[in-house]
Protein backbone atom coordinates (compact mmCIF):
# COMPACT_ATOMS: atom_id res chain seq x y z
CA MET A 1 0.00 0.00 0.00
CA THR A 2 1.37 3.44 -0.94
CA ARG A 3 1.75 6.29 1.49
CA LEU A 4 -1.14 8.37 0.10
CA PRO A 5 -3.82 5.68 0.55
CA ARG A 6 -2.55 5.07 4.10
CA LEU A 7 -3.01 8.77 4.90
CA LEU A 8 -6.45 8.78 3.35
CA LEU A 9 -7.41 5.70 5.32
CA ALA A 10 -6.17 7.26 8.56
CA ALA A 11 -8.15 10.42 7.85
CA LEU A 12 -11.25 8.38 7.09
CA LEU A 13 -10.92 6.40 10.30
CA ALA A 14 -10.41 9.59 12.29
CA THR A 15 -13.54 11.09 10.74
CA GLN A 16 -15.57 7.99 11.55
CA THR A 17 -14.30 8.00 15.15
CA ALA A 18 -15.15 11.69 15.53
CA ALA A 19 -18.62 11.07 14.12
CA GLN A 20 -19.21 8.40 16.72
CA ALA A 21 -17.85 10.38 19.63
CA GLU A 22 -20.37 11.24 22.34
CA THR A 23 -20.44 11.59 26.08
CA VAL A 24 -23.11 10.40 28.51
CA PHE A 25 -23.71 12.35 31.73
CA VAL A 26 -25.46 10.58 34.61
CA THR A 27 -26.56 12.18 37.88
CA LEU A 28 -25.81 10.12 40.99
CA GLU A 29 -28.46 10.99 43.55
CA LYS A 30 -26.76 9.44 46.61
CA ASP A 31 -23.16 10.15 45.63
CA ASN A 32 -23.88 13.87 45.12
CA ALA A 33 -21.96 13.56 41.89
CA LEU A 34 -22.02 13.43 38.11
CA ALA A 35 -20.72 10.36 36.24
CA VAL A 36 -19.12 10.90 32.83
CA VAL A 37 -19.23 7.89 30.50
CA ASP A 38 -17.69 7.12 27.12
CA PRO A 39 -20.44 4.90 25.66
CA ILE A 40 -18.46 3.89 22.57
CA ALA A 41 -15.66 2.44 24.71
CA GLY A 42 -18.16 1.47 27.40
CA THR A 43 -16.10 3.01 30.21
CA LEU A 44 -16.58 5.39 33.11
CA LEU A 45 -14.27 8.34 32.43
CA LYS A 46 -14.63 10.26 35.68
CA THR A 47 -16.93 11.19 38.54
CA VAL A 48 -17.36 14.86 39.42
CA PRO A 49 -18.76 16.19 42.74
CA ILE A 50 -21.79 18.27 41.83
CA GLY A 51 -23.90 19.24 44.85
CA LEU A 52 -26.55 17.79 47.10
CA ARG A 53 -28.92 15.20 45.61
CA PRO A 54 -28.55 15.86 41.87
CA ARG A 55 -31.41 14.50 39.77
CA GLY A 56 -32.78 16.18 36.64
CA LEU A 57 -30.32 17.40 34.00
CA ALA A 58 -30.35 18.81 30.47
CA LEU A 59 -27.92 20.13 27.86
CA SER A 60 -28.25 23.52 26.21
CA PRO A 61 -29.14 23.34 22.48
CA ASP A 62 -25.48 23.91 21.53
CA SER A 63 -24.30 21.38 24.16
CA ALA A 64 -21.99 24.00 25.69
CA TRP A 65 -23.75 24.00 29.06
CA LEU A 66 -25.10 21.30 31.31
CA TYR A 67 -27.90 22.20 33.73
CA ILE A 68 -28.31 20.01 36.82
CA ALA A 69 -30.99 20.19 39.52
CA ALA A 70 -29.32 20.01 42.94
CA SER A 71 -32.51 19.22 44.83
CA ASP A 72 -31.26 19.64 48.39
CA GLU A 73 -29.51 22.92 47.54
CA HIS A 74 -32.66 24.35 45.90
CA THR A 75 -30.81 25.43 42.80
CA ILE A 76 -29.94 24.55 39.21
CA LYS A 77 -26.18 24.29 38.63
CA ILE A 78 -24.60 25.39 35.35
CA LEU A 79 -21.58 23.41 34.17
CA ASP A 80 -19.23 24.06 31.27
CA THR A 81 -19.31 20.77 29.36
CA ASP A 82 -15.68 21.10 28.27
CA THR A 83 -14.22 21.59 31.75
CA LEU A 84 -17.11 20.29 33.90
CA GLN A 85 -16.50 23.29 36.13
CA GLU A 86 -19.46 25.08 37.68
CA GLN A 87 -20.09 28.41 35.98
CA GLY A 88 -22.98 29.61 38.10
CA GLN A 89 -26.40 28.75 39.41
CA LEU A 90 -30.01 29.45 38.51
CA PRO A 91 -32.84 30.05 40.98
CA SER A 92 -35.26 27.17 40.92
CA GLY A 93 -37.77 27.38 43.73
CA ASP A 94 -37.71 24.78 46.49
CA ASP A 95 -36.55 21.19 45.94
CA PRO A 96 -36.16 21.09 42.15
CA GLU A 97 -36.30 17.49 40.98
CA THR A 98 -36.73 17.77 37.26
CA PHE A 99 -37.16 20.49 34.69
CA ALA A 100 -37.71 21.14 30.99
CA LEU A 101 -35.62 23.35 28.75
CA SER A 102 -37.43 25.54 26.23
CA PRO A 103 -36.74 24.72 22.56
CA LYS A 104 -34.76 27.95 22.15
CA GLY A 105 -32.77 27.22 25.28
CA ASP A 106 -33.65 30.55 26.89
CA ARG A 107 -35.89 29.30 29.71
CA LEU A 108 -36.05 26.53 32.26
CA TYR A 109 -39.38 25.23 33.55
CA VAL A 110 -38.85 23.64 36.96
CA SER A 111 -41.16 21.33 38.92
CA ASN A 112 -41.36 22.25 42.62
CA GLU A 113 -42.90 19.17 44.17
CA ASP A 114 -43.21 20.47 47.74
CA ASP A 115 -44.78 23.79 46.73
CA SER A 116 -47.20 22.53 44.04
CA GLN A 117 -45.86 24.94 41.48
CA VAL A 118 -43.80 25.38 38.33
CA THR A 119 -41.00 27.94 38.39
CA VAL A 120 -40.13 29.69 35.11
CA VAL A 121 -36.50 30.79 34.92
CA ASP A 122 -34.87 33.24 32.51
CA ILE A 123 -31.47 31.67 31.85
CA ALA A 124 -29.67 34.73 30.46
CA HIS A 125 -30.71 37.00 33.34
CA ARG A 126 -30.65 34.19 35.91
CA ASN A 127 -33.92 35.22 37.50
CA ILE A 128 -37.41 33.84 38.08
CA ILE A 129 -40.00 35.13 35.63
CA LYS A 130 -43.04 33.53 37.22
CA GLN A 131 -44.20 30.78 39.55
CA ILE A 132 -47.33 28.95 38.37
CA SER A 133 -49.62 27.05 40.74
CA VAL A 134 -50.42 23.49 39.64
CA GLY A 135 -51.63 20.29 41.33
CA VAL A 136 -50.14 18.46 44.30
CA GLU A 137 -46.62 17.02 43.84
CA PRO A 138 -45.73 18.09 40.30
CA GLU A 139 -42.83 16.16 38.82
CA GLY A 140 -42.92 15.20 35.14
CA ILE A 141 -42.58 18.23 32.90
CA ALA A 142 -41.99 18.74 29.19
CA ALA A 143 -41.93 21.58 26.65
CA SER A 144 -43.36 21.02 23.17
CA PRO A 145 -40.82 21.29 20.32
CA ASP A 146 -42.93 23.99 18.63
CA GLY A 147 -42.60 26.13 21.75
CA LYS A 148 -46.34 26.52 22.33
CA TRP A 149 -46.99 24.24 25.30
CA LEU A 150 -45.58 23.27 28.62
CA ALA A 151 -47.09 20.15 30.18
CA CYS A 152 -46.67 19.31 33.86
CA ALA A 153 -47.99 16.23 35.68
CA SER A 154 -48.98 16.31 39.34
CA GLU A 155 -48.51 12.93 41.02
CA THR A 156 -51.12 13.27 43.75
CA THR A 157 -53.76 15.23 41.82
CA ASN A 158 -53.34 12.78 38.91
CA MET A 159 -53.55 15.47 36.29
CA VAL A 160 -51.63 16.86 33.37
CA HIS A 161 -51.65 20.65 33.47
CA TRP A 162 -51.42 22.45 30.12
CA ILE A 163 -49.55 25.73 30.38
CA ASP A 164 -49.55 28.25 27.54
CA THR A 165 -45.94 29.43 27.15
CA GLN A 166 -47.01 32.92 26.05
CA SER A 167 -49.32 33.73 28.95
CA LEU A 168 -47.54 31.36 31.38
CA SER A 169 -50.89 30.27 32.74
CA VAL A 170 -52.69 26.94 33.06
CA VAL A 171 -55.35 26.83 30.36
CA GLU A 172 -56.56 23.24 30.75
CA ASN A 173 -56.22 20.16 32.96
CA THR A 174 -56.58 16.51 31.95
CA LEU A 175 -57.24 13.72 34.44
CA VAL A 176 -54.85 10.78 33.93
CA ASP A 177 -54.05 7.44 35.59
CA SER A 178 -52.60 7.38 39.09
CA ARG A 179 -49.21 8.88 39.86
CA PRO A 180 -48.11 10.24 36.48
CA ARG A 181 -44.31 10.39 36.42
CA ALA A 182 -42.79 11.36 33.07
CA LEU A 183 -43.92 13.26 29.99
CA SER A 184 -42.60 13.39 26.44
CA PHE A 185 -43.88 15.31 23.41
CA THR A 186 -43.48 13.79 19.98
CA ALA A 187 -41.11 15.69 17.67
CA ASP A 188 -44.03 17.01 15.60
CA SER A 189 -45.73 18.44 18.72
CA GLN A 190 -48.90 16.50 17.91
CA GLN A 191 -48.90 14.10 20.85
CA LEU A 192 -47.90 13.94 24.52
CA TRP A 193 -46.98 10.58 26.06
CA VAL A 194 -47.46 10.18 29.82
CA THR A 195 -46.44 7.32 32.12
CA SER A 196 -48.48 6.27 35.15
CA GLU A 197 -46.28 4.62 37.77
CA MET A 198 -48.99 3.17 39.99
CA ALA A 199 -51.48 2.14 37.30
CA GLY A 200 -48.67 0.62 35.24
CA THR A 201 -49.86 2.33 32.07
CA LEU A 202 -48.73 4.63 29.29
CA MET A 203 -51.16 7.21 27.95
CA VAL A 204 -51.00 8.85 24.52
CA MET A 205 -52.64 12.27 24.41
CA ASP A 206 -53.72 14.38 21.46
CA ILE A 207 -52.38 17.92 21.78
CA ALA A 208 -55.25 19.61 19.92
CA SER A 209 -58.00 18.10 22.07
CA LYS A 210 -55.94 17.57 25.27
CA LYS A 211 -57.58 14.15 25.54
CA ILE A 212 -56.23 10.62 25.96
CA ILE A 213 -56.48 8.73 22.67
CA LYS A 214 -54.82 5.49 23.78
CA THR A 215 -53.91 3.79 27.05
CA ILE A 216 -51.23 1.11 26.82
CA SER A 217 -50.73 -1.61 29.45
CA PHE A 218 -47.73 -3.88 29.98
CA ALA A 219 -47.46 -7.57 30.88
CA ILE A 220 -44.16 -9.38 31.34
CA PRO A 221 -44.09 -13.17 31.85
CA GLY A 222 -42.74 -13.99 35.31
CA VAL A 223 -42.96 -10.38 36.56
CA SER A 224 -45.78 -9.34 38.89
CA SER A 225 -47.92 -6.43 37.78
CA GLY A 226 -46.97 -4.51 40.93
CA LYS A 227 -43.37 -4.31 39.74
CA ILE A 228 -44.30 -2.81 36.38
CA GLN A 229 -43.99 0.89 37.15
CA PRO A 230 -43.50 3.01 34.01
CA VAL A 231 -41.32 6.09 34.42
CA GLY A 232 -38.95 7.55 31.79
CA ILE A 233 -39.93 7.74 28.09
CA ALA A 234 -38.01 8.30 24.85
CA ILE A 235 -39.71 8.60 21.43
CA ASP A 236 -37.72 8.66 18.21
CA PRO A 237 -38.11 11.78 16.00
CA GLN A 238 -39.98 9.89 13.26
CA ARG A 239 -42.44 8.52 15.83
CA ARG A 240 -41.70 4.95 14.87
CA LYS A 241 -40.75 3.55 18.26
CA ALA A 242 -41.15 4.62 21.85
CA TYR A 243 -39.10 3.22 24.72
CA VAL A 244 -40.44 3.14 28.27
CA ALA A 245 -38.50 2.44 31.47
CA LEU A 246 -40.51 0.07 33.66
CA GLY A 247 -38.81 0.73 37.02
CA PRO A 248 -38.50 -2.33 39.29
CA ALA A 249 -39.56 -4.60 36.43
CA ASN A 250 -35.98 -4.03 35.20
CA ARG A 251 -37.15 -3.79 31.61
CA ILE A 252 -37.42 -1.31 28.77
CA ALA A 253 -40.68 -1.70 26.85
CA VAL A 254 -40.45 -1.22 23.09
CA VAL A 255 -43.68 0.28 21.77
CA ASN A 256 -44.71 0.73 18.13
CA ALA A 257 -45.51 4.45 18.14
CA GLN A 258 -47.91 4.09 15.19
CA THR A 259 -49.98 1.08 16.25
CA TYR A 260 -49.39 1.48 20.02
CA GLU A 261 -48.58 -2.22 20.31
CA VAL A 262 -45.89 -3.38 22.74
CA GLU A 263 -43.35 -5.21 20.58
CA ASN A 264 -40.64 -6.24 23.01
CA TYR A 265 -39.21 -6.04 26.52
CA LEU A 266 -35.47 -5.57 27.01
CA LEU A 267 -33.86 -6.71 30.26
CA VAL A 268 -31.61 -4.01 31.76
CA GLY A 269 -30.30 -3.21 35.25
CA SER A 270 -32.29 -2.98 38.48
CA ARG A 271 -34.83 -0.18 38.93
CA VAL A 272 -34.43 1.45 35.56
CA TRP A 273 -35.31 5.09 35.95
CA ASN A 274 -34.56 7.57 33.15
CA ILE A 275 -33.41 6.98 29.57
CA ALA A 276 -31.87 8.89 26.66
CA PHE A 277 -31.02 8.33 22.99
CA SER A 278 -27.62 8.63 21.38
CA PRO A 279 -27.49 11.61 18.95
CA ASP A 280 -28.03 9.30 15.96
CA HIS A 281 -30.86 7.45 17.76
CA LYS A 282 -29.16 4.11 17.23
CA ARG A 283 -28.52 3.50 20.92
CA LEU A 284 -30.43 3.97 24.15
CA TYR A 285 -28.87 4.59 27.55
CA THR A 286 -30.66 3.69 30.78
CA ALA A 287 -29.94 4.81 34.36
CA ASN A 288 -30.48 1.85 36.68
CA GLY A 289 -31.00 3.16 40.20
CA ILE A 290 -30.44 0.02 42.28
CA SER A 291 -27.82 -1.88 40.26
CA ASN A 292 -25.88 1.42 40.06
CA ASP A 293 -25.08 1.11 36.38
CA LEU A 294 -25.82 2.38 32.91
CA SER A 295 -27.15 -0.06 30.31
CA LEU A 296 -26.15 0.47 26.66
CA ILE A 297 -28.76 -0.79 24.18
CA ASP A 298 -28.22 -1.26 20.45
CA LEU A 299 -31.60 -0.40 18.96
CA ASP A 300 -31.14 -2.10 15.59
CA SER A 301 -30.61 -5.49 17.23
CA GLN A 302 -32.59 -4.55 20.38
CA THR A 303 -29.90 -6.00 22.61
CA VAL A 304 -28.11 -4.71 25.68
CA THR A 305 -24.48 -4.58 24.61
CA LYS A 306 -22.86 -3.48 27.84
CA SER A 307 -23.39 -2.40 31.45
CA VAL A 308 -21.17 0.32 32.90
CA GLY A 309 -20.93 0.86 36.65
CA VAL A 310 -21.34 4.56 37.36
CA GLY A 311 -21.91 5.06 41.11
CA THR A 312 -24.69 5.07 43.68
CA SER A 313 -28.29 5.68 42.59
CA PRO A 314 -28.02 6.90 39.00
CA TRP A 315 -31.08 9.04 38.23
CA GLY A 316 -30.91 11.25 35.15
CA VAL A 317 -29.22 10.81 31.76
CA ALA A 318 -28.14 13.35 29.15
CA VAL A 319 -26.06 12.74 26.02
CA GLN A 320 -23.62 15.23 24.49
CA PRO A 321 -22.83 14.77 20.76
């Protein structure tokens, strides 16, 4: 082989490696830390102290900043994703557990479970714009990709609250199954998917009518119904498949997002909590809260390819391209 083809081959390999490069961030609720994982190599790179009881996290649209809810410090921490150094904090209201980032990346919408409210934060000015009263124990929260809607689920009231992002007011409420936990809008902003932890169901809601159009149940051979507790959701951009974390059932449910049929169950670690796609949507990463690991799932073959130990009580997952 001549020198020129060798150089071209090396450049091609380098390009392919760069294209595959990504980093997974995992909050460790009981370690008060952030785990940093290389999912391609399947290795834990480092663990960074981050504050008291970190849970929800999200990346800015340009992936330059990582926002992390430090629940017991009543704040949202801002990290530089290159250095993983804290660059400041955002006000969040009391006990922030999870939050949604606006599509433009200019606002955070924070669930305040103890105060039955949603706190709206201006990121640039680092101040609270408004606090919106909702039902009892709000947790799951999501912003529609078209920027029109914010949906928040209250666990005790068993409702989804529809908040208009222009007026920042609740304009409608929809009764759902008991203890709704996580929400996810489809990429076209036409549907909202909601998990019910206690009922063991997944509800598909029509955005225009704010009504439930389908309720999906789960049944796993050899697993009692009481252990099937749906929590985190991930829906691919084309709305072909949806993936649902089933908590202590230790499974990810694979749902056909067109027919609403459950197609498969994938065995992962213990007490699977939150999940996230790789940037190319070919892999899924799951935070397993009791086995203290991250499962890596190849979605083409629907197989778990590796488990990476990350630390105590992994909770949230975010993926940086």
